[in-house]
N, C-alpha and C. Protein backbone atom coordinates (compact mmCIF):
# COMPACT_ATOMS: atom_id res chain seq x y z
N UNK A 1 -85.79 -12.76 37.43
CA UNK A 1 -84.45 -14.28 37.56
C UNK A 1 -85.41 -15.29 37.41
N UNK A 2 -86.08 -16.21 36.01
CA UNK A 2 -87.55 -17.57 35.71
C UNK A 2 -86.67 -18.57 36.96
N UNK A 3 -87.45 -19.25 36.95
CA UNK A 3 -88.10 -19.99 38.03
C UNK A 3 -87.23 -21.66 37.62
N UNK A 4 -86.92 -21.90 38.19
CA UNK A 4 -85.45 -23.54 37.66
C UNK A 4 -86.85 -24.70 38.12
N UNK A 5 -86.59 -25.53 37.05
CA UNK A 5 -87.54 -25.56 36.49
C UNK A 5 -87.39 -27.59 36.98
N UNK A 6 -88.14 -28.45 37.98
CA UNK A 6 -87.73 -28.91 38.69
C UNK A 6 -87.60 -30.52 37.16
N UNK A 7 -89.16 -30.38 36.61
CA UNK A 7 -88.52 -31.14 35.29
C UNK A 7 -87.11 -31.32 34.91
N UNK A 8 -87.01 -30.01 34.24
CA UNK A 8 -85.95 -30.27 33.90
C UNK A 8 -84.48 -31.05 33.97
N UNK A 9 -84.30 -30.14 35.45
CA UNK A 9 -82.88 -31.23 36.20
C UNK A 9 -83.61 -31.89 35.82
N UNK A 10 -84.80 -33.11 36.42
CA UNK A 10 -84.70 -34.54 36.58
C UNK A 10 -84.18 -34.90 35.05
N UNK A 11 -84.90 -33.82 33.95
CA UNK A 11 -84.47 -34.56 32.68
C UNK A 11 -82.61 -34.78 32.01
N UNK A 12 -82.32 -33.53 32.96
CA UNK A 12 -80.79 -33.31 32.90
C UNK A 12 -80.13 -34.66 33.15
N UNK A 13 -80.76 -34.97 34.88
CA UNK A 13 -80.17 -36.10 35.42
C UNK A 13 -80.19 -37.26 34.47
N UNK A 14 -81.34 -37.36 33.83
CA UNK A 14 -81.62 -39.06 33.06
C UNK A 14 -80.55 -38.85 31.79
N UNK A 15 -79.31 -38.73 31.82
CA UNK A 15 -78.94 -37.77 30.81
C UNK A 15 -77.36 -38.66 31.02
N UNK A 16 -77.62 -38.46 32.60
CA UNK A 16 -76.25 -39.08 33.43
C UNK A 16 -76.01 -40.55 32.91
N UNK A 17 -74.59 -41.35 33.36
CA UNK A 17 -75.00 -43.03 32.75
C UNK A 17 -73.38 -43.22 33.63
N UNK A 18 -74.36 -43.69 34.85
CA UNK A 18 -72.72 -44.78 35.59
C UNK A 18 -71.93 -45.50 34.26
N UNK A 19 -71.05 -45.11 33.94
CA UNK A 19 -69.90 -45.54 32.93
C UNK A 19 -69.57 -47.05 33.21
N UNK A 20 -69.97 -47.86 34.77
CA UNK A 20 -69.66 -49.79 34.15
C UNK A 20 -70.69 -50.00 34.45
N UNK A 21 -72.16 -49.71 35.07
CA UNK A 21 -72.97 -49.69 33.99
C UNK A 21 -73.96 -49.03 33.57
N UNK A 22 -73.96 -48.74 32.81
CA UNK A 22 -74.15 -48.08 31.42
C UNK A 22 -75.84 -47.96 31.66
N UNK A 23 -76.49 -47.69 32.72
CA UNK A 23 -77.54 -47.01 33.35
C UNK A 23 -77.56 -45.55 33.59
N UNK A 24 -78.82 -44.79 33.54
CA UNK A 24 -78.71 -43.61 33.73
C UNK A 24 -78.53 -43.90 35.17
N UNK A 25 -78.37 -42.96 36.05
CA UNK A 25 -78.18 -42.27 37.29
C UNK A 25 -79.87 -42.32 37.87
N UNK A 26 -80.61 -41.84 37.09
CA UNK A 26 -82.15 -42.30 37.83
C UNK A 26 -82.77 -43.54 38.05
N UNK A 27 -82.14 -43.83 36.53
CA UNK A 27 -83.15 -45.56 36.99
C UNK A 27 -81.73 -46.35 38.06
N UNK A 28 -81.09 -46.56 38.68
CA UNK A 28 -79.98 -46.94 39.62
C UNK A 28 -80.64 -46.20 40.89
N UNK A 29 -81.44 -45.03 41.24
CA UNK A 29 -82.03 -44.21 42.10
C UNK A 29 -80.67 -43.70 43.05
N UNK A 30 -79.50 -43.36 42.40
CA UNK A 30 -78.82 -42.81 42.27
C UNK A 30 -78.40 -40.95 43.45
N UNK A 31 -80.25 -41.07 43.18
CA UNK A 31 -79.52 -39.16 43.68
C UNK A 31 -80.57 -39.69 45.17
N UNK A 32 -79.67 -39.15 46.41
CA UNK A 32 -80.75 -39.18 47.27
C UNK A 32 -81.44 -37.85 48.22
N UNK A 33 -80.69 -36.45 48.17
CA UNK A 33 -80.84 -35.46 47.71
C UNK A 33 -81.73 -34.39 46.95
N UNK A 34 -82.13 -33.41 46.64
CA UNK A 34 -82.25 -32.66 46.09
C UNK A 34 -82.67 -31.15 45.98
N UNK A 35 -81.95 -29.94 46.51
CA UNK A 35 -82.63 -28.56 47.05
C UNK A 35 -82.49 -28.14 45.62
N UNK A 36 -83.69 -27.25 45.60
CA UNK A 36 -83.81 -26.17 44.75
C UNK A 36 -84.30 -24.34 45.22
N UNK A 37 -82.91 -23.64 45.18
CA UNK A 37 -83.24 -22.58 46.21
C UNK A 37 -82.97 -21.74 45.15
N UNK A 38 -84.14 -20.62 44.60
CA UNK A 38 -83.75 -19.80 43.72
C UNK A 38 -82.56 -20.21 42.18
N UNK A 39 -81.57 -20.39 41.55
CA UNK A 39 -80.76 -20.87 40.87
C UNK A 39 -80.18 -21.44 40.76
N UNK A 40 -79.98 -22.05 43.07
CA UNK A 40 -79.69 -22.73 42.95
C UNK A 40 -79.67 -23.75 43.26
N UNK A 41 -78.45 -25.38 43.05
CA UNK A 41 -79.35 -26.56 43.32
C UNK A 41 -78.43 -27.43 43.98
N UNK A 42 -78.38 -27.84 44.97
CA UNK A 42 -78.00 -28.91 45.77
C UNK A 42 -77.75 -30.09 45.69
N UNK A 43 -76.58 -30.94 45.00
CA UNK A 43 -78.06 -32.90 45.12
C UNK A 43 -76.64 -33.20 46.26
N UNK A 44 -77.08 -34.45 46.21
CA UNK A 44 -76.30 -35.39 46.78
C UNK A 44 -76.64 -36.48 46.51
N UNK A 45 -75.74 -37.71 46.29
CA UNK A 45 -76.25 -38.39 45.68
C UNK A 45 -75.04 -39.94 46.44
N UNK A 46 -74.97 -41.46 45.32
CA UNK A 46 -74.67 -42.27 45.98
C UNK A 46 -74.09 -43.03 45.09
N UNK A 47 -72.95 -43.64 44.97
CA UNK A 47 -72.56 -44.65 43.97
C UNK A 47 -73.13 -46.30 44.36
N UNK A 48 -73.92 -46.93 43.36
CA UNK A 48 -73.25 -48.63 43.44
C UNK A 48 -72.75 -49.35 44.79
N UNK A 49 -71.17 -49.05 44.53
CA UNK A 49 -70.73 -49.35 45.77
C UNK A 49 -69.59 -48.54 46.09
N UNK A 50 -69.29 -48.33 47.82
CA UNK A 50 -68.22 -47.61 48.33
C UNK A 50 -66.91 -47.64 47.72
N UNK A 51 -66.91 -48.40 46.98
CA UNK A 51 -65.00 -48.41 46.17
C UNK A 51 -64.67 -48.44 45.51
N UNK A 52 -66.09 -48.04 44.60
CA UNK A 52 -66.49 -47.67 43.08
C UNK A 52 -65.18 -47.13 42.82
N UNK A 53 -64.07 -47.72 41.38
CA UNK A 53 -63.34 -46.38 40.74
C UNK A 53 -63.56 -45.21 41.06
N UNK A 54 -62.29 -44.53 41.96
CA UNK A 54 -62.09 -43.31 41.80
C UNK A 54 -62.51 -42.51 40.19
N UNK A 55 -62.26 -43.06 39.47
CA UNK A 55 -62.25 -41.88 37.96
C UNK A 55 -63.51 -41.92 37.82
N UNK A 56 -64.47 -43.19 38.04
CA UNK A 56 -65.79 -43.17 37.82
C UNK A 56 -66.32 -42.81 39.18
N UNK A 57 -66.46 -42.28 39.89
CA UNK A 57 -67.34 -41.88 40.51
C UNK A 57 -67.00 -39.50 40.63
N UNK A 58 -66.08 -39.75 39.98
CA UNK A 58 -65.27 -38.04 39.53
C UNK A 58 -65.89 -37.92 38.61
N UNK A 59 -66.43 -38.85 37.88
CA UNK A 59 -66.53 -38.95 36.30
C UNK A 59 -67.70 -38.42 36.26
N UNK A 60 -68.71 -39.51 37.67
CA UNK A 60 -70.83 -39.47 37.94
C UNK A 60 -70.40 -38.09 37.80
N UNK A 61 -69.84 -37.89 38.72
CA UNK A 61 -70.00 -36.28 39.86
C UNK A 61 -70.13 -34.69 39.03
N UNK A 62 -69.12 -34.66 38.48
CA UNK A 62 -69.04 -33.74 37.43
C UNK A 62 -69.61 -34.02 36.04
N UNK A 63 -69.94 -35.18 35.95
CA UNK A 63 -71.22 -34.94 34.64
C UNK A 63 -72.41 -35.21 35.59
N UNK A 64 -72.67 -34.93 36.73
CA UNK A 64 -74.07 -34.14 37.58
C UNK A 64 -73.84 -32.92 37.53
N UNK A 65 -72.85 -32.75 38.12
CA UNK A 65 -72.62 -30.73 38.12
C UNK A 65 -72.79 -30.31 37.04
N UNK A 66 -72.12 -30.52 35.32
CA UNK A 66 -73.11 -30.32 34.39
C UNK A 66 -74.09 -30.75 33.98
N UNK A 67 -74.34 -31.24 34.29
CA UNK A 67 -75.92 -31.45 33.72
C UNK A 67 -77.17 -30.59 34.24
N UNK A 68 -76.14 -30.18 36.23
CA UNK A 68 -77.14 -29.00 36.88
C UNK A 68 -76.84 -28.34 36.04
N UNK A 69 -75.96 -27.44 35.65
CA UNK A 69 -75.40 -26.37 35.36
C UNK A 69 -76.16 -25.90 33.84
N UNK A 70 -76.23 -26.68 33.50
CA UNK A 70 -76.80 -27.09 31.91
C UNK A 70 -78.31 -26.57 31.50
N UNK A 71 -79.04 -26.35 32.50
CA UNK A 71 -80.39 -26.26 32.80
C UNK A 71 -80.84 -24.87 32.98
N UNK A 72 -81.63 -25.11 32.13
CA UNK A 72 -81.85 -23.43 32.23
C UNK A 72 -81.97 -22.86 33.63
N UNK A 73 -81.90 -21.70 33.77
CA UNK A 73 -82.13 -20.95 34.52
C UNK A 73 -81.26 -21.61 36.29
N UNK A 74 -80.15 -22.43 36.17
CA UNK A 74 -79.90 -22.47 37.26
C UNK A 74 -78.03 -22.09 37.75
N UNK A 75 -78.21 -21.25 38.35
CA UNK A 75 -76.85 -20.19 37.98
C UNK A 75 -76.00 -20.95 39.10
N UNK A 76 -75.76 -21.67 39.90
CA UNK A 76 -74.70 -22.39 41.06
C UNK A 76 -75.01 -24.05 40.96
N UNK A 77 -74.19 -24.62 41.28
CA UNK A 77 -74.99 -25.91 42.40
C UNK A 77 -73.66 -26.52 42.94
N UNK A 78 -74.07 -27.70 43.50
CA UNK A 78 -73.72 -28.01 44.48
C UNK A 78 -73.26 -29.58 43.99
N UNK A 79 -72.36 -30.82 44.05
CA UNK A 79 -72.91 -31.51 43.92
C UNK A 79 -71.61 -32.27 45.40
N UNK A 80 -72.62 -33.17 45.73
CA UNK A 80 -72.21 -34.05 47.28
C UNK A 80 -72.36 -35.76 46.98
N UNK A 81 -71.28 -36.24 47.19
CA UNK A 81 -71.29 -37.80 46.70
C UNK A 81 -71.04 -37.98 48.26
N UNK A 82 -71.84 -39.31 48.79
CA UNK A 82 -71.90 -39.70 50.08
C UNK A 82 -71.55 -41.59 49.94
N UNK A 83 -71.04 -42.22 51.19
CA UNK A 83 -70.62 -43.47 51.25
C UNK A 83 -69.88 -43.53 50.56
N UNK A 84 -68.51 -42.97 49.43
CA UNK A 84 -67.89 -43.79 48.76
C UNK A 84 -66.65 -42.86 49.58
N UNK A 85 -65.14 -44.21 49.78
CA UNK A 85 -64.28 -44.18 50.34
C UNK A 85 -63.79 -42.49 50.17
N UNK A 86 -63.27 -42.50 49.30
CA UNK A 86 -63.02 -40.83 48.49
C UNK A 86 -64.03 -39.44 48.70
N UNK A 87 -64.98 -39.96 49.12
CA UNK A 87 -66.03 -38.93 48.80
C UNK A 87 -65.40 -37.67 49.41
N UNK A 88 -64.59 -37.10 50.55
CA UNK A 88 -64.32 -35.98 50.62
C UNK A 88 -63.89 -35.11 49.30
N UNK A 89 -62.78 -36.10 49.07
CA UNK A 89 -61.47 -35.72 47.56
C UNK A 89 -62.57 -35.41 46.76
N UNK A 90 -62.94 -36.29 45.85
CA UNK A 90 -64.49 -35.50 45.25
C UNK A 90 -64.91 -34.92 45.00
N UNK A 91 -65.41 -34.61 46.22
CA UNK A 91 -65.87 -33.30 46.56
C UNK A 91 -66.10 -32.02 46.72
N UNK A 92 -64.27 -32.22 46.47
CA UNK A 92 -63.42 -30.90 47.15
C UNK A 92 -63.18 -30.88 45.12
N UNK A 93 -62.57 -31.33 44.65
CA UNK A 93 -62.47 -31.46 43.33
C UNK A 93 -63.58 -31.12 42.11
N UNK A 94 -64.77 -31.42 43.03
CA UNK A 94 -65.97 -30.60 41.88
C UNK A 94 -66.73 -29.86 42.30
N UNK A 95 -66.51 -29.50 43.20
CA UNK A 95 -67.31 -28.02 43.99
C UNK A 95 -65.66 -26.79 43.98
N UNK A 96 -64.64 -27.10 43.33
CA UNK A 96 -63.58 -26.12 43.75
C UNK A 96 -63.97 -25.00 41.96
N UNK A 97 -64.04 -24.05 42.88
CA UNK A 97 -65.14 -22.45 41.68
C UNK A 97 -63.65 -22.92 40.37
N UNK A 98 -64.38 -22.19 39.91
CA UNK A 98 -63.86 -22.10 37.93
C UNK A 98 -62.96 -21.25 38.12
N UNK A 99 -61.82 -21.49 37.74
CA UNK A 99 -60.56 -20.32 37.63
C UNK A 99 -61.54 -18.94 36.73
N UNK A 100 -60.78 -17.65 37.20
CA UNK A 100 -61.80 -16.90 36.79
C UNK A 100 -61.16 -16.64 35.15
N UNK A 101 -61.82 -16.24 34.19
CA UNK A 101 -61.52 -16.21 32.72
C UNK A 101 -60.30 -15.31 32.07
N UNK A 102 -59.44 -15.89 31.63
CA UNK A 102 -58.83 -15.55 30.75
C UNK A 102 -58.45 -14.26 30.25
N UNK A 103 -57.13 -12.77 30.95
CA UNK A 103 -57.74 -11.69 30.06
C UNK A 103 -56.51 -11.05 29.17
């Protein structure tokens, strides 16, 4: 299994844009913690405000998850929003298992 390159993760996160501010989440320093273990990535982040509209919170979390999964070598990603009034619901939604492929 190829090693996941931290630079590839950083590049993927630079493409995630806060929809309200129009700036990358990396420029806004919204990523709090990033752990890579083999092909599994855990990322914790916060938003610019604890009452950010839920649709934007879910959009950013979903974009982060998709961005992580697009990095070569990443086989699993867990995204955790902290400090938002609906963090628990957003985390549950963004990290729910993918449905099995249709047969």
